[in-house]
Amino acid sequence: MKTLNVEKVARAVEADAGHALPGLRESLAEAKAGRFAAVHTPEQIAARRRGRPAGSMAAVTKEPVKLRLDPDVLAALRATGEGWQTRINDMLRASLALGGRLRR
């Protein structure tokens, strides 16, 4: 990449496209400078911290609970696909709000 002739590559790409491409030369120059597609060493990869970045989690978290459900009810809920636990939470919230036990 260090020997890349940005102008020559840009002219070839634009000739192939049949028109000028805005930002092409800047993107090629950034790639040549190594600002994109950086290669990471095994040491750099190992040094990364596992888990989510700090501050990426919501301040209010849900509490895990153990809940016993009838098999047919559980099967019907799981059959709704991904996110079925979130939908259960939403249904319970709506039911409690209708009963006046929870503010919306």
C-alpha atoms as a PDB file:
ATOM      1  CA  MET A   1       0.000   0.000   0.000  1.00  0.00           C
ATOM      2  CA  LYS A   2       2.879   2.363   0.726  1.00  0.00           C
ATOM      3  CA  THR A   3       3.845   2.477  -2.949  1.00  0.00           C
ATOM      4  CA  LEU A   4       0.276   3.043  -4.148  1.00  0.00           C
ATOM      5  CA  ASN A   5      -0.019   5.783  -6.763  1.00  0.00           C
ATOM      6  CA  VAL A   6      -3.301   7.356  -5.650  1.00  0.00           C
ATOM      7  CA  GLU A   7      -3.802   9.417  -8.797  1.00  0.00           C
ATOM      8  CA  LYS A   8      -3.125   6.511 -11.148  1.00  0.00           C
ATOM      9  CA  VAL A   9      -5.510   4.185  -9.288  1.00  0.00           C
ATOM     10  CA  ALA A  10      -8.186   6.907  -9.072  1.00  0.00           C
ATOM     11  CA  ARG A  11      -7.999   7.564 -12.822  1.00  0.00           C
ATOM     12  CA  ALA A  12      -8.322   3.828 -13.563  1.00  0.00           C
ATOM     13  CA  VAL A  13     -11.306   3.413 -11.211  1.00  0.00           C
ATOM     14  CA  GLU A  14     -13.063   6.481 -12.629  1.00  0.00           C
ATOM     15  CA  ALA A  15     -12.378   5.337 -16.203  1.00  0.00           C
ATOM     16  CA  ASP A  16     -13.956   1.995 -15.369  1.00  0.00           C
ATOM     17  CA  ALA A  17     -16.937   3.707 -13.701  1.00  0.00           C
ATOM     18  CA  GLY A  18     -17.337   6.148 -16.592  1.00  0.00           C
ATOM     19  CA  HIS A  19     -17.556   9.201 -14.334  1.00  0.00           C
ATOM     20  CA  ALA A  20     -15.755  11.034 -11.504  1.00  0.00           C
ATOM     21  CA  LEU A  21     -16.257   9.582  -8.031  1.00  0.00           C
ATOM     22  CA  PRO A  22     -16.370  12.182  -5.251  1.00  0.00           C
ATOM     23  CA  GLY A  23     -14.076  11.401  -2.326  1.00  0.00           C
ATOM     24  CA  LEU A  24     -12.242   8.619  -4.151  1.00  0.00           C
ATOM     25  CA  ARG A  25      -8.817  10.224  -3.952  1.00  0.00           C
ATOM     26  CA  GLU A  26      -9.255  11.077  -0.271  1.00  0.00           C
ATOM     27  CA  SER A  27     -10.321   7.502   0.509  1.00  0.00           C
ATOM     28  CA  LEU A  28      -7.377   6.068  -1.394  1.00  0.00           C
ATOM     29  CA  ALA A  29      -5.003   8.440   0.415  1.00  0.00           C
ATOM     30  CA  GLU A  30      -6.419   7.342   3.802  1.00  0.00           C
ATOM     31  CA  ALA A  31      -6.015   3.697   2.817  1.00  0.00           C
ATOM     32  CA  LYS A  32      -2.446   4.377   1.742  1.00  0.00           C
ATOM     33  CA  ALA A  33      -1.767   6.052   5.105  1.00  0.00           C
ATOM     34  CA  GLY A  34      -3.097   2.971   6.876  1.00  0.00           C
ATOM     35  CA  ARG A  35      -6.112   4.619   8.476  1.00  0.00           C
ATOM     36  CA  PHE A  36      -8.383   1.848   7.225  1.00  0.00           C
ATOM     37  CA  ALA A  37      -8.067  -1.925   7.350  1.00  0.00           C
ATOM     38  CA  ALA A  38      -5.290  -1.818   9.913  1.00  0.00           C
ATOM     39  CA  VAL A  39      -3.566  -5.134  10.525  1.00  0.00           C
ATOM     40  CA  HIS A  40      -3.545  -6.182  14.180  1.00  0.00           C
ATOM     41  CA  THR A  41      -0.865  -8.337  15.724  1.00  0.00           C
ATOM     42  CA  PRO A  42      -1.779 -11.325  17.909  1.00  0.00           C
ATOM     43  CA  GLU A  43      -0.490  -9.328  20.914  1.00  0.00           C
ATOM     44  CA  GLN A  44      -2.843  -6.422  20.132  1.00  0.00           C
ATOM     45  CA  ILE A  45      -5.771  -8.788  19.756  1.00  0.00           C
ATOM     46  CA  ALA A  46      -4.960 -10.545  23.058  1.00  0.00           C
ATOM     47  CA  ALA A  47      -4.678  -7.202  24.852  1.00  0.00           C
ATOM     48  CA  ARG A  48      -8.249  -6.223  23.980  1.00  0.00           C
ATOM     49  CA  ARG A  49     -10.663  -6.293  26.872  1.00  0.00           C
ATOM     50  CA  ARG A  50     -13.541  -8.722  26.680  1.00  0.00           C
ATOM     51  CA  GLY A  51     -17.137  -7.613  26.979  1.00  0.00           C
ATOM     52  CA  ARG A  52     -18.982  -4.493  26.043  1.00  0.00           C
ATOM     53  CA  PRO A  53     -17.300  -1.081  26.110  1.00  0.00           C
ATOM     54  CA  ALA A  54     -17.836   0.967  29.266  1.00  0.00           C
ATOM     55  CA  GLY A  55     -20.941   3.116  29.051  1.00  0.00           C
ATOM     56  CA  SER A  56     -22.612   0.989  26.387  1.00  0.00           C
ATOM     57  CA  MET A  57     -25.005  -0.649  28.837  1.00  0.00           C
ATOM     58  CA  ALA A  58     -28.302   0.957  29.798  1.00  0.00           C
ATOM     59  CA  ALA A  59     -28.379   2.433  33.305  1.00  0.00           C
ATOM     60  CA  VAL A  60     -31.590   0.567  34.155  1.00  0.00           C
ATOM     61  CA  THR A  61     -31.138  -3.173  33.909  1.00  0.00           C
ATOM     62  CA  LYS A  62     -33.655  -5.951  34.078  1.00  0.00           C
ATOM     63  CA  GLU A  63     -33.544  -8.481  36.864  1.00  0.00           C
ATOM     64  CA  PRO A  64     -33.288 -12.176  36.075  1.00  0.00           C
ATOM     65  CA  VAL A  65     -36.066 -14.259  37.619  1.00  0.00           C
ATOM     66  CA  LYS A  66     -37.069 -17.885  37.636  1.00  0.00           C
ATOM     67  CA  LEU A  67     -40.631 -18.263  36.382  1.00  0.00           C
ATOM     68  CA  ARG A  68     -42.658 -21.434  35.935  1.00  0.00           C
ATOM     69  CA  LEU A  69     -44.991 -21.509  32.937  1.00  0.00           C
ATOM     70  CA  ASP A  70     -47.234 -24.166  31.485  1.00  0.00           C
ATOM     71  CA  PRO A  71     -45.522 -25.959  28.591  1.00  0.00           C
ATOM     72  CA  ASP A  72     -48.150 -24.886  26.034  1.00  0.00           C
ATOM     73  CA  VAL A  73     -47.883 -21.236  27.102  1.00  0.00           C
ATOM     74  CA  LEU A  74     -44.097 -21.332  26.898  1.00  0.00           C
ATOM     75  CA  ALA A  75     -44.195 -23.037  23.488  1.00  0.00           C
ATOM     76  CA  ALA A  76     -46.616 -20.422  22.149  1.00  0.00           C
ATOM     77  CA  LEU A  77     -44.416 -17.568  23.401  1.00  0.00           C
ATOM     78  CA  ARG A  78     -41.214 -19.072  22.008  1.00  0.00           C
ATOM     79  CA  ALA A  79     -42.967 -19.677  18.688  1.00  0.00           C
ATOM     80  CA  THR A  80     -43.231 -15.893  18.250  1.00  0.00           C
ATOM     81  CA  GLY A  81     -39.492 -15.867  17.502  1.00  0.00           C
ATOM     82  CA  GLU A  82     -36.527 -13.818  18.678  1.00  0.00           C
ATOM     83  CA  GLY A  83     -37.286 -11.343  21.425  1.00  0.00           C
ATOM     84  CA  TRP A  84     -40.067 -13.375  23.019  1.00  0.00           C
ATOM     85  CA  GLN A  85     -38.846 -12.563  26.538  1.00  0.00           C
ATOM     86  CA  THR A  86     -38.961  -8.845  25.796  1.00  0.00           C
ATOM     87  CA  ARG A  87     -42.495  -9.266  24.471  1.00  0.00           C
ATOM     88  CA  ILE A  88     -43.504 -11.053  27.695  1.00  0.00           C
ATOM     89  CA  ASN A  89     -42.144  -8.092  29.666  1.00  0.00           C
ATOM     90  CA  ASP A  90     -44.137  -5.700  27.454  1.00  0.00           C
ATOM     91  CA  MET A  91     -47.330  -7.755  27.882  1.00  0.00           C
ATOM     92  CA  LEU A  92     -46.953  -7.853  31.659  1.00  0.00           C
ATOM     93  CA  ARG A  93     -46.276  -4.106  31.753  1.00  0.00           C
ATOM     94  CA  ALA A  94     -49.398  -3.381  29.668  1.00  0.00           C
ATOM     95  CA  SER A  95     -51.526  -5.677  31.838  1.00  0.00           C
ATOM     96  CA  LEU A  96     -50.314  -4.042  35.059  1.00  0.00           C
ATOM     97  CA  ALA A  97     -50.888  -0.575  33.601  1.00  0.00           C
ATOM     98  CA  LEU A  98     -54.460  -1.502  32.611  1.00  0.00           C
ATOM     99  CA  GLY A  99     -55.082  -2.736  36.163  1.00  0.00           C
ATOM    100  CA  GLY A 100     -53.775   0.532  37.589  1.00  0.00           C
ATOM    101  CA  ARG A 101     -50.861  -1.168  39.334  1.00  0.00           C
ATOM    102  CA  LEU A 102     -48.127   0.365  37.222  1.00  0.00           C
ATOM    103  CA  ARG A 103     -47.678   3.803  35.679  1.00  0.00           C
ATOM    104  CA  ARG A 104     -46.917   3.923  31.977  1.00  0.00           C
END
